[in-house]
Amino acid sequence: MRGASIILGAVVAVRFVHVVPRRRIPVITYLGAGGMYICLLHISFVRAARHHGLHEHVDQWHDQLAVITGAVLLAAFLASPPVRALTRPLVKPRIARFTGGR
């Protein structure tokens, strides 16, 4: 079952690449530019929600809709220019810092 899930996920990912439009779509482009920030920073929010037991209260469809809406708003927040500027040293550190160069 696990192997089938992985293969299905890979197929879906490849098919998704084929439906991505070639022109710019402002919301998608905005979120895509901050994709690394969203990916690396969202885990702290997920862990905080799990720690406080939020997942135990998501039963009804409107609860699920609220979680999805919150996730989209969180992604937009984490992709915003101020958050990217503040967290750039953590997400994209300069290599010279680690090699002793300037």
PDB file of N, CA and C in Angstrom:
ATOM      1  N   MET A   1       0.823  -1.185   0.000  1.00  0.00           N
ATOM      2  CA  MET A   1       0.000   0.000   0.000  1.00  0.00           C
ATOM      3  C   MET A   1       0.875   1.259   0.000  1.00  0.00           C
ATOM      4  N   ARG A   2       1.924   1.245   0.816  1.00  0.00           N
ATOM      5  CA  ARG A   2       2.803   2.408   0.906  1.00  0.00           C
ATOM      6  C   ARG A   2       3.488   2.667  -0.438  1.00  0.00           C
ATOM      7  N   GLY A   3       3.962   1.606  -1.073  1.00  0.00           N
ATOM      8  CA  GLY A   3       4.615   1.752  -2.379  1.00  0.00           C
ATOM      9  C   GLY A   3       3.670   2.296  -3.427  1.00  0.00           C
ATOM     10  N   ALA A   4       2.433   1.810  -3.406  1.00  0.00           N
ATOM     11  CA  ALA A   4       1.434   2.305  -4.348  1.00  0.00           C
ATOM     12  C   ALA A   4       1.140   3.780  -4.106  1.00  0.00           C
ATOM     13  N   SER A   5       1.113   4.189  -2.852  1.00  0.00           N
ATOM     14  CA  SER A   5       0.891   5.603  -2.528  1.00  0.00           C
ATOM     15  C   SER A   5       2.023   6.467  -3.051  1.00  0.00           C
ATOM     16  N   ILE A   6       3.244   5.988  -2.904  1.00  0.00           N
ATOM     17  CA  ILE A   6       4.400   6.750  -3.395  1.00  0.00           C
ATOM     18  C   ILE A   6       4.362   6.862  -4.915  1.00  0.00           C
ATOM     19  N   ILE A   7       4.065   5.761  -5.581  1.00  0.00           N
ATOM     20  CA  ILE A   7       3.993   5.784  -7.052  1.00  0.00           C
ATOM     21  C   ILE A   7       2.862   6.701  -7.504  1.00  0.00           C
ATOM     22  N   LEU A   8       1.713   6.610  -6.860  1.00  0.00           N
ATOM     23  CA  LEU A   8       0.588   7.482  -7.213  1.00  0.00           C
ATOM     24  C   LEU A   8       0.956   8.946  -7.003  1.00  0.00           C
ATOM     25  N   GLY A   9       1.631   9.255  -5.899  1.00  0.00           N
ATOM     26  CA  GLY A   9       2.068  10.630  -5.652  1.00  0.00           C
ATOM     27  C   GLY A   9       3.018  11.134  -6.715  1.00  0.00           C
ATOM     28  N   ALA A  10       3.933  10.287  -7.153  1.00  0.00           N
ATOM     29  CA  ALA A  10       4.875  10.676  -8.214  1.00  0.00           C
ATOM     30  C   ALA A  10       4.142  10.932  -9.523  1.00  0.00           C
ATOM     31  N   VAL A  11       3.185  10.072  -9.853  1.00  0.00           N
ATOM     32  CA  VAL A  11       2.409  10.254 -11.090  1.00  0.00           C
ATOM     33  C   VAL A  11       1.617  11.548 -11.027  1.00  0.00           C
ATOM     34  N   VAL A  12       0.987  11.821  -9.903  1.00  0.00           N
ATOM     35  CA  VAL A  12       0.208  13.056  -9.746  1.00  0.00           C
ATOM     36  C   VAL A  12       1.124  14.275  -9.862  1.00  0.00           C
ATOM     37  N   ALA A  13       2.307  14.214  -9.264  1.00  0.00           N
ATOM     38  CA  ALA A  13       3.245  15.343  -9.347  1.00  0.00           C
ATOM     39  C   ALA A  13       3.665  15.601 -10.794  1.00  0.00           C
ATOM     40  N   VAL A  14       3.954  14.546 -11.536  1.00  0.00           N
ATOM     41  CA  VAL A  14       4.353  14.708 -12.939  1.00  0.00           C
ATOM     42  C   VAL A  14       3.196  15.253 -13.757  1.00  0.00           C
ATOM     43  N   ARG A  15       2.001  14.749 -13.525  1.00  0.00           N
ATOM     44  CA  ARG A  15       0.832  15.244 -14.257  1.00  0.00           C
ATOM     45  C   ARG A  15       0.539  16.703 -13.904  1.00  0.00           C
ATOM     46  N   PHE A  16       0.799  17.087 -12.666  1.00  0.00           N
ATOM     47  CA  PHE A  16       0.570  18.464 -12.250  1.00  0.00           C
ATOM     48  C   PHE A  16       1.470  19.420 -13.033  1.00  0.00           C
ATOM     49  N   VAL A  17       2.692  19.009 -13.300  1.00  0.00           N
ATOM     50  CA  VAL A  17       3.616  19.846 -14.061  1.00  0.00           C
ATOM     51  C   VAL A  17       3.057  20.122 -15.447  1.00  0.00           C
ATOM     52  N   HIS A  18       2.330  19.170 -16.012  1.00  0.00           N
ATOM     53  CA  HIS A  18       1.769  19.354 -17.350  1.00  0.00           C
ATOM     54  C   HIS A  18       0.607  20.338 -17.389  1.00  0.00           C
ATOM     55  N   VAL A  19      -0.056  20.555 -16.275  1.00  0.00           N
ATOM     56  CA  VAL A  19      -1.194  21.487 -16.278  1.00  0.00           C
ATOM     57  C   VAL A  19      -0.827  22.874 -15.779  1.00  0.00           C
ATOM     58  N   VAL A  20       0.415  23.083 -15.374  1.00  0.00           N
ATOM     59  CA  VAL A  20       0.840  24.405 -14.916  1.00  0.00           C
ATOM     60  C   VAL A  20       0.859  25.347 -16.113  1.00  0.00           C
ATOM     61  N   PRO A  21       0.174  26.475 -16.013  1.00  0.00           N
ATOM     62  CA  PRO A  21       0.121  27.408 -17.146  1.00  0.00           C
ATOM     63  C   PRO A  21       1.476  28.068 -17.396  1.00  0.00           C
ATOM     64  N   ARG A  22       1.703  28.437 -18.637  1.00  0.00           N
ATOM     65  CA  ARG A  22       2.970  29.067 -19.018  1.00  0.00           C
ATOM     66  C   ARG A  22       2.976  30.572 -18.713  1.00  0.00           C
ATOM     67  N   ARG A  23       1.816  31.157 -18.579  1.00  0.00           N
ATOM     68  CA  ARG A  23       1.758  32.592 -18.271  1.00  0.00           C
ATOM     69  C   ARG A  23       1.727  32.790 -16.758  1.00  0.00           C
ATOM     70  N   ARG A  24       1.937  34.018 -16.353  1.00  0.00           N
ATOM     71  CA  ARG A  24       1.951  34.327 -14.916  1.00  0.00           C
ATOM     72  C   ARG A  24       0.541  34.475 -14.388  1.00  0.00           C
ATOM     73  N   ILE A  25       0.283  33.816 -13.280  1.00  0.00           N
ATOM     74  CA  ILE A  25      -0.968  33.982 -12.541  1.00  0.00           C
ATOM     75  C   ILE A  25      -0.551  34.586 -11.201  1.00  0.00           C
ATOM     76  N   PRO A  26      -0.961  35.822 -10.910  1.00  0.00           N
ATOM     77  CA  PRO A  26      -0.410  36.557  -9.764  1.00  0.00           C
ATOM     78  C   PRO A  26      -0.382  35.793  -8.439  1.00  0.00           C
ATOM     79  N   VAL A  27      -1.462  35.143  -8.053  1.00  0.00           N
ATOM     80  CA  VAL A  27      -1.495  34.456  -6.756  1.00  0.00           C
ATOM     81  C   VAL A  27      -0.542  33.265  -6.758  1.00  0.00           C
ATOM     82  N   ILE A  28      -0.575  32.488  -7.823  1.00  0.00           N
ATOM     83  CA  ILE A  28       0.278  31.306  -7.915  1.00  0.00           C
ATOM     84  C   ILE A  28       1.744  31.724  -7.991  1.00  0.00           C
ATOM     85  N   THR A  29       2.049  32.758  -8.757  1.00  0.00           N
ATOM     86  CA  THR A  29       3.420  33.240  -8.864  1.00  0.00           C
ATOM     87  C   THR A  29       3.915  33.755  -7.516  1.00  0.00           C
ATOM     88  N   TYR A  30       3.060  34.455  -6.794  1.00  0.00           N
ATOM     89  CA  TYR A  30       3.396  34.998  -5.477  1.00  0.00           C
ATOM     90  C   TYR A  30       3.730  33.877  -4.499  1.00  0.00           C
ATOM     91  N   LEU A  31       2.875  32.863  -4.455  1.00  0.00           N
ATOM     92  CA  LEU A  31       3.113  31.741  -3.553  1.00  0.00           C
ATOM     93  C   LEU A  31       4.315  30.913  -4.004  1.00  0.00           C
ATOM     94  N   GLY A  32       4.497  30.784  -5.300  1.00  0.00           N
ATOM     95  CA  GLY A  32       5.633  30.015  -5.812  1.00  0.00           C
ATOM     96  C   GLY A  32       6.957  30.672  -5.493  1.00  0.00           C
ATOM     97  N   ALA A  33       7.007  32.000  -5.518  1.00  0.00           N
ATOM     98  CA  ALA A  33       8.245  32.710  -5.200  1.00  0.00           C
ATOM     99  C   ALA A  33       8.634  32.512  -3.741  1.00  0.00           C
ATOM    100  N   GLY A  34       7.669  32.318  -2.882  1.00  0.00           N
ATOM    101  CA  GLY A  34       7.953  32.098  -1.465  1.00  0.00           C
ATOM    102  C   GLY A  34       7.807  30.641  -1.059  1.00  0.00           C
ATOM    103  N   GLY A  35       7.850  29.743  -2.018  1.00  0.00           N
ATOM    104  CA  GLY A  35       7.627  28.326  -1.750  1.00  0.00           C
ATOM    105  C   GLY A  35       8.592  27.728  -0.744  1.00  0.00           C
ATOM    106  N   MET A  36       9.852  28.092  -0.838  1.00  0.00           N
ATOM    107  CA  MET A  36      10.832  27.534   0.097  1.00  0.00           C
ATOM    108  C   MET A  36      10.561  28.035   1.514  1.00  0.00           C
ATOM    109  N   TYR A  37      10.172  29.291   1.626  1.00  0.00           N
ATOM    110  CA  TYR A  37       9.857  29.853   2.936  1.00  0.00           C
ATOM    111  C   TYR A  37       8.633  29.169   3.534  1.00  0.00           C
ATOM    112  N   ILE A  38       7.608  28.953   2.702  1.00  0.00           N
ATOM    113  CA  ILE A  38       6.401  28.274   3.164  1.00  0.00           C
ATOM    114  C   ILE A  38       6.751  26.868   3.644  1.00  0.00           C
ATOM    115  N   CYS A  39       7.515  26.163   2.853  1.00  0.00           N
ATOM    116  CA  CYS A  39       7.862  24.777   3.162  1.00  0.00           C
ATOM    117  C   CYS A  39       8.655  24.670   4.465  1.00  0.00           C
ATOM    118  N   LEU A  40       9.618  25.549   4.652  1.00  0.00           N
ATOM    119  CA  LEU A  40      10.489  25.446   5.819  1.00  0.00           C
ATOM    120  C   LEU A  40       9.897  26.045   7.093  1.00  0.00           C
ATOM    121  N   LEU A  41       9.026  27.031   6.960  1.00  0.00           N
ATOM    122  CA  LEU A  41       8.526  27.726   8.143  1.00  0.00           C
ATOM    123  C   LEU A  41       7.166  27.235   8.638  1.00  0.00           C
ATOM    124  N   HIS A  42       6.410  26.545   7.787  1.00  0.00           N
ATOM    125  CA  HIS A  42       5.062  26.155   8.205  1.00  0.00           C
ATOM    126  C   HIS A  42       5.069  25.096   9.299  1.00  0.00           C
ATOM    127  N   ILE A  43       6.123  24.336   9.412  1.00  0.00           N
ATOM    128  CA  ILE A  43       6.142  23.228  10.360  1.00  0.00           C
ATOM    129  C   ILE A  43       5.979  23.703  11.807  1.00  0.00           C
ATOM    130  N   SER A  44       6.486  24.895  12.117  1.00  0.00           N
ATOM    131  CA  SER A  44       6.326  25.394  13.486  1.00  0.00           C
ATOM    132  C   SER A  44       4.856  25.656  13.806  1.00  0.00           C
ATOM    133  N   PHE A  45       4.089  26.108  12.824  1.00  0.00           N
ATOM    134  CA  PHE A  45       2.662  26.339  13.030  1.00  0.00           C
ATOM    135  C   PHE A  45       1.907  25.015  13.139  1.00  0.00           C
ATOM    136  N   VAL A  46       2.313  24.042  12.337  1.00  0.00           N
ATOM    137  CA  VAL A  46       1.677  22.726  12.395  1.00  0.00           C
ATOM    138  C   VAL A  46       1.932  22.077  13.755  1.00  0.00           C
ATOM    139  N   ARG A  47       3.161  22.156  14.222  1.00  0.00           N
ATOM    140  CA  ARG A  47       3.482  21.562  15.524  1.00  0.00           C
ATOM    141  C   ARG A  47       2.763  22.277  16.670  1.00  0.00           C
ATOM    142  N   ALA A  48       2.642  23.596  16.588  1.00  0.00           N
ATOM    143  CA  ALA A  48       1.915  24.332  17.626  1.00  0.00           C
ATOM    144  C   ALA A  48       0.445  23.930  17.647  1.00  0.00           C
ATOM    145  N   ALA A  49      -0.153  23.786  16.463  1.00  0.00           N
ATOM    146  CA  ALA A  49      -1.554  23.369  16.391  1.00  0.00           C
ATOM    147  C   ALA A  49      -1.720  21.960  16.943  1.00  0.00           C
ATOM    148  N   ARG A  50      -0.790  21.085  16.623  1.00  0.00           N
ATOM    149  CA  ARG A  50      -0.853  19.708  17.124  1.00  0.00           C
ATOM    150  C   ARG A  50      -0.655  19.676  18.642  1.00  0.00           C
ATOM    151  N   HIS A  51       0.252  20.504  19.131  1.00  0.00           N
ATOM    152  CA  HIS A  51       0.527  20.552  20.569  1.00  0.00           C
ATOM    153  C   HIS A  51      -0.710  20.994  21.359  1.00  0.00           C
ATOM    154  N   HIS A  52      -1.458  21.926  20.787  1.00  0.00           N
ATOM    155  CA  HIS A  52      -2.649  22.441  21.467  1.00  0.00           C
ATOM    156  C   HIS A  52      -3.899  21.616  21.172  1.00  0.00           C
ATOM    157  N   GLY A  53      -3.754  20.528  20.425  1.00  0.00           N
ATOM    158  CA  GLY A  53      -4.869  19.618  20.179  1.00  0.00           C
ATOM    159  C   GLY A  53      -5.904  20.118  19.196  1.00  0.00           C
ATOM    160  N   LEU A  54      -5.515  21.023  18.298  1.00  0.00           N
ATOM    161  CA  LEU A  54      -6.482  21.547  17.330  1.00  0.00           C
ATOM    162  C   LEU A  54      -7.024  20.462  16.414  1.00  0.00           C
ATOM    163  N   HIS A  55      -6.208  19.496  16.063  1.00  0.00           N
ATOM    164  CA  HIS A  55      -6.644  18.452  15.128  1.00  0.00           C
ATOM    165  C   HIS A  55      -7.759  17.584  15.704  1.00  0.00           C
ATOM    166  N   GLU A  56      -7.903  17.561  17.008  1.00  0.00           N
ATOM    167  CA  GLU A  56      -8.952  16.761  17.630  1.00  0.00           C
ATOM    168  C   GLU A  56     -10.337  17.395  17.476  1.00  0.00           C
ATOM    169  N   HIS A  57     -10.383  18.667  17.145  1.00  0.00           N
ATOM    170  CA  HIS A  57     -11.646  19.388  17.057  1.00  0.00           C
ATOM    171  C   HIS A  57     -12.137  19.566  15.629  1.00  0.00           C
ATOM    172  N   VAL A  58     -11.446  18.976  14.667  1.00  0.00           N
ATOM    173  CA  VAL A  58     -11.836  19.112  13.261  1.00  0.00           C
ATOM    174  C   VAL A  58     -12.676  17.899  12.878  1.00  0.00           C
ATOM    175  N   ASP A  59     -13.991  18.062  12.961  1.00  0.00           N
ATOM    176  CA  ASP A  59     -14.909  16.963  12.656  1.00  0.00           C
ATOM    177  C   ASP A  59     -15.820  17.290  11.480  1.00  0.00           C
ATOM    178  N   GLN A  60     -16.447  18.428  11.544  1.00  0.00           N
ATOM    179  CA  GLN A  60     -17.453  18.822  10.563  1.00  0.00           C
ATOM    180  C   GLN A  60     -16.804  19.410   9.308  1.00  0.00           C
ATOM    181  N   TRP A  61     -17.598  19.523   8.251  1.00  0.00           N
ATOM    182  CA  TRP A  61     -17.090  20.067   6.996  1.00  0.00           C
ATOM    183  C   TRP A  61     -16.674  21.519   7.151  1.00  0.00           C
ATOM    184  N   HIS A  62     -17.382  22.275   7.979  1.00  0.00           N
ATOM    185  CA  HIS A  62     -17.028  23.688   8.149  1.00  0.00           C
ATOM    186  C   HIS A  62     -15.727  23.823   8.947  1.00  0.00           C
ATOM    187  N   ASP A  63     -15.427  22.875   9.811  1.00  0.00           N
ATOM    188  CA  ASP A  63     -14.128  22.883  10.501  1.00  0.00           C
ATOM    189  C   ASP A  63     -13.002  22.635   9.501  1.00  0.00           C
ATOM    190  N   GLN A  64     -13.228  21.689   8.602  1.00  0.00           N
ATOM    191  CA  GLN A  64     -12.229  21.397   7.573  1.00  0.00           C
ATOM    192  C   GLN A  64     -12.032  22.581   6.642  1.00  0.00           C
ATOM    193  N   LEU A  65     -13.121  23.246   6.312  1.00  0.00           N
ATOM    194  CA  LEU A  65     -13.032  24.436   5.469  1.00  0.00           C
ATOM    195  C   LEU A  65     -12.244  25.543   6.166  1.00  0.00           C
ATOM    196  N   ALA A  66     -12.451  25.684   7.470  1.00  0.00           N
ATOM    197  CA  ALA A  66     -11.705  26.679   8.248  1.00  0.00           C
ATOM    198  C   ALA A  66     -10.212  26.351   8.278  1.00  0.00           C
ATOM    199  N   VAL A  67      -9.863  25.076   8.395  1.00  0.00           N
ATOM    200  CA  VAL A  67      -8.458  24.665   8.397  1.00  0.00           C
ATOM    201  C   VAL A  67      -7.827  24.949   7.039  1.00  0.00           C
ATOM    202  N   ILE A  68      -8.532  24.640   5.960  1.00  0.00           N
ATOM    203  CA  ILE A  68      -8.004  24.894   4.615  1.00  0.00           C
ATOM    204  C   ILE A  68      -7.830  26.388   4.391  1.00  0.00           C
ATOM    205  N   THR A  69      -8.810  27.190   4.802  1.00  0.00           N
ATOM    206  CA  THR A  69      -8.706  28.648   4.669  1.00  0.00           C
ATOM    207  C   THR A  69      -7.533  29.179   5.482  1.00  0.00           C
ATOM    208  N   GLY A  70      -7.384  28.678   6.700  1.00  0.00           N
ATOM    209  CA  GLY A  70      -6.251  29.085   7.533  1.00  0.00           C
ATOM    210  C   GLY A  70      -4.921  28.697   6.920  1.00  0.00           C
ATOM    211  N   ALA A  71      -4.859  27.528   6.296  1.00  0.00           N
ATOM    212  CA  ALA A  71      -3.623  27.082   5.655  1.00  0.00           C
ATOM    213  C   ALA A  71      -3.249  27.976   4.473  1.00  0.00           C
ATOM    214  N   VAL A  72      -4.244  28.363   3.689  1.00  0.00           N
ATOM    215  CA  VAL A  72      -3.984  29.257   2.551  1.00  0.00           C
ATOM    216  C   VAL A  72      -3.528  30.628   3.048  1.00  0.00           C
ATOM    217  N   LEU A  73      -4.182  31.143   4.080  1.00  0.00           N
ATOM    218  CA  LEU A  73      -3.777  32.444   4.639  1.00  0.00           C
ATOM    219  C   LEU A  73      -2.383  32.368   5.260  1.00  0.00           C
ATOM    220  N   LEU A  74      -2.069  31.260   5.925  1.00  0.00           N
ATOM    221  CA  LEU A  74      -0.732  31.080   6.489  1.00  0.00           C
ATOM    222  C   LEU A  74       0.321  31.024   5.385  1.00  0.00           C
ATOM    223  N   ALA A  75       0.013  30.332   4.301  1.00  0.00           N
ATOM    224  CA  ALA A  75       0.945  30.266   3.173  1.00  0.00           C
ATOM    225  C   ALA A  75       1.182  31.649   2.582  1.00  0.00           C
ATOM    226  N   ALA A  76       0.111  32.426   2.429  1.00  0.00           N
ATOM    227  CA  ALA A  76       0.257  33.791   1.902  1.00  0.00           C
ATOM    228  C   ALA A  76       1.087  34.648   2.847  1.00  0.00           C
ATOM    229  N   PHE A  77       0.883  34.475   4.141  1.00  0.00           N
ATOM    230  CA  PHE A  77       1.661  35.233   5.129  1.00  0.00           C
ATOM    231  C   PHE A  77       3.143  34.843   5.074  1.00  0.00           C
ATOM    232  N   LEU A  78       3.422  33.554   5.037  1.00  0.00           N
ATOM    233  CA  LEU A  78       4.814  33.101   5.025  1.00  0.00           C
ATOM    234  C   LEU A  78       5.529  33.446   3.723  1.00  0.00           C
ATOM    235  N   ALA A  79       4.781  33.632   2.641  1.00  0.00           N
ATOM    236  CA  ALA A  79       5.377  34.010   1.360  1.00  0.00           C
ATOM    237  C   ALA A  79       5.489  35.520   1.198  1.00  0.00           C
ATOM    238  N   SER A  80       4.986  36.285   2.154  1.00  0.00           N
ATOM    239  CA  SER A  80       4.983  37.746   2.025  1.00  0.00           C
ATOM    240  C   SER A  80       6.403  38.309   2.082  1.00  0.00           C
ATOM    241  N   PRO A  81       6.637  39.423   1.405  1.00  0.00           N
ATOM    242  CA  PRO A  81       7.970  40.022   1.402  1.00  0.00           C
ATOM    243  C   PRO A  81       8.531  40.352   2.784  1.00  0.00           C
ATOM    244  N   PRO A  82       7.741  40.876   3.732  1.00  0.00           N
ATOM    245  CA  PRO A  82       8.333  41.139   5.051  1.00  0.00           C
ATOM    246  C   PRO A  82       8.828  39.873   5.757  1.00  0.00           C
ATOM    247  N   VAL A  83       8.059  38.801   5.686  1.00  0.00           N
ATOM    248  CA  VAL A  83       8.473  37.544   6.327  1.00  0.00           C
ATOM    249  C   VAL A  83       9.698  36.987   5.621  1.00  0.00           C
ATOM    250  N   ARG A  84       9.718  37.062   4.286  1.00  0.00           N
ATOM    251  CA  ARG A  84      10.886  36.573   3.538  1.00  0.00           C
ATOM    252  C   ARG A  84      12.120  37.383   3.873  1.00  0.00           C
ATOM    253  N   ALA A  85      11.968  38.693   4.046  1.00  0.00           N
ATOM    254  CA  ALA A  85      13.122  39.534   4.384  1.00  0.00           C
ATOM    255  C   ALA A  85      13.645  39.217   5.785  1.00  0.00           C
ATOM    256  N   LEU A  86      12.730  38.993   6.720  1.00  0.00           N
ATOM    257  CA  LEU A  86      13.154  38.697   8.099  1.00  0.00           C
ATOM    258  C   LEU A  86      13.804  37.323   8.238  1.00  0.00           C
ATOM    259  N   THR A  87      13.321  36.356   7.487  1.00  0.00           N
ATOM    260  CA  THR A  87      13.811  34.982   7.654  1.00  0.00           C
ATOM    261  C   THR A  87      14.834  34.560   6.610  1.00  0.00           C
ATOM    262  N   ARG A  88      15.195  35.461   5.717  1.00  0.00           N
ATOM    263  CA  ARG A  88      16.168  35.113   4.666  1.00  0.00           C
ATOM    264  C   ARG A  88      17.467  34.548   5.237  1.00  0.00           C
ATOM    265  N   PRO A  89      18.045  35.112   6.318  1.00  0.00           N
ATOM    266  CA  PRO A  89      19.282  34.519   6.847  1.00  0.00           C
ATOM    267  C   PRO A  89      19.116  33.079   7.330  1.00  0.00           C
ATOM    268  N   LEU A  90      17.922  32.706   7.766  1.00  0.00           N
ATOM    269  CA  LEU A  90      17.686  31.333   8.207  1.00  0.00           C
ATOM    270  C   LEU A  90      17.409  30.391   7.044  1.00  0.00           C
ATOM    271  N   VAL A  91      16.629  30.867   6.074  1.00  0.00           N
ATOM    272  CA  VAL A  91      16.214  30.021   4.965  1.00  0.00           C
ATOM    273  C   VAL A  91      17.275  29.945   3.870  1.00  0.00           C
ATOM    274  N   LYS A  92      17.883  31.067   3.553  1.00  0.00           N
ATOM    275  CA  LYS A  92      18.892  31.126   2.498  1.00  0.00           C
ATOM    276  C   LYS A  92      20.174  31.781   3.020  1.00  0.00           C
ATOM    277  N   PRO A  93      20.896  31.099   3.890  1.00  0.00           N
ATOM    278  CA  PRO A  93      22.126  31.702   4.413  1.00  0.00           C
ATOM    279  C   PRO A  93      23.179  31.824   3.321  1.00  0.00           C
ATOM    280  N   ARG A  94      24.027  32.816   3.456  1.00  0.00           N
ATOM    281  CA  ARG A  94      25.107  32.999   2.484  1.00  0.00           C
ATOM    282  C   ARG A  94      26.186  31.952   2.726  1.00  0.00           C
ATOM    283  N   ILE A  95      26.670  31.372   1.657  1.00  0.00           N
ATOM    284  CA  ILE A  95      27.683  30.321   1.749  1.00  0.00           C
ATOM    285  C   ILE A  95      28.990  30.882   2.292  1.00  0.00           C
ATOM    286  N   ALA A  96      29.298  32.129   1.983  1.00  0.00           N
ATOM    287  CA  ALA A  96      30.557  32.733   2.445  1.00  0.00           C
ATOM    288  C   ALA A  96      30.649  32.727   3.957  1.00  0.00           C
ATOM    289  N   ARG A  97      29.522  32.776   4.615  1.00  0.00           N
ATOM    290  CA  ARG A  97      29.489  32.751   6.072  1.00  0.00           C
ATOM    291  C   ARG A  97      30.087  31.450   6.623  1.00  0.00           C
ATOM    292  N   PHE A  98      29.891  30.359   5.892  1.00  0.00           N
ATOM    293  CA  PHE A  98      30.333  29.057   6.345  1.00  0.00           C
ATOM    294  C   PHE A  98      31.717  28.691   5.843  1.00  0.00           C
ATOM    295  N   THR A  99      32.190  29.345   4.787  1.00  0.00           N
ATOM    296  CA  THR A  99      33.492  29.003   4.224  1.00  0.00           C
ATOM    297  C   THR A  99      34.583  29.955   4.705  1.00  0.00           C
ATOM    298  N   GLY A 100      34.226  30.970   5.469  1.00  0.00           N
ATOM    299  CA  GLY A 100      35.214  31.910   5.970  1.00  0.00           C
ATOM    300  C   GLY A 100      35.499  33.057   5.014  1.00  0.00           C
ATOM    301  N   GLY A 101      34.872  33.064   3.856  1.00  0.00           N
ATOM    302  CA  GLY A 101      35.047  34.142   2.874  1.00  0.00           C
ATOM    303  C   GLY A 101      34.138  35.302   3.160  1.00  0.00           C
ATOM    304  N   ARG A 102      34.226  36.317   2.336  1.00  0.00           N
ATOM    305  CA  ARG A 102      33.372  37.482   2.511  1.00  0.00           C
ATOM    306  C   ARG A 102      32.292  37.425   1.546  1.00  0.00           C
TER     307      ARG A 102
END
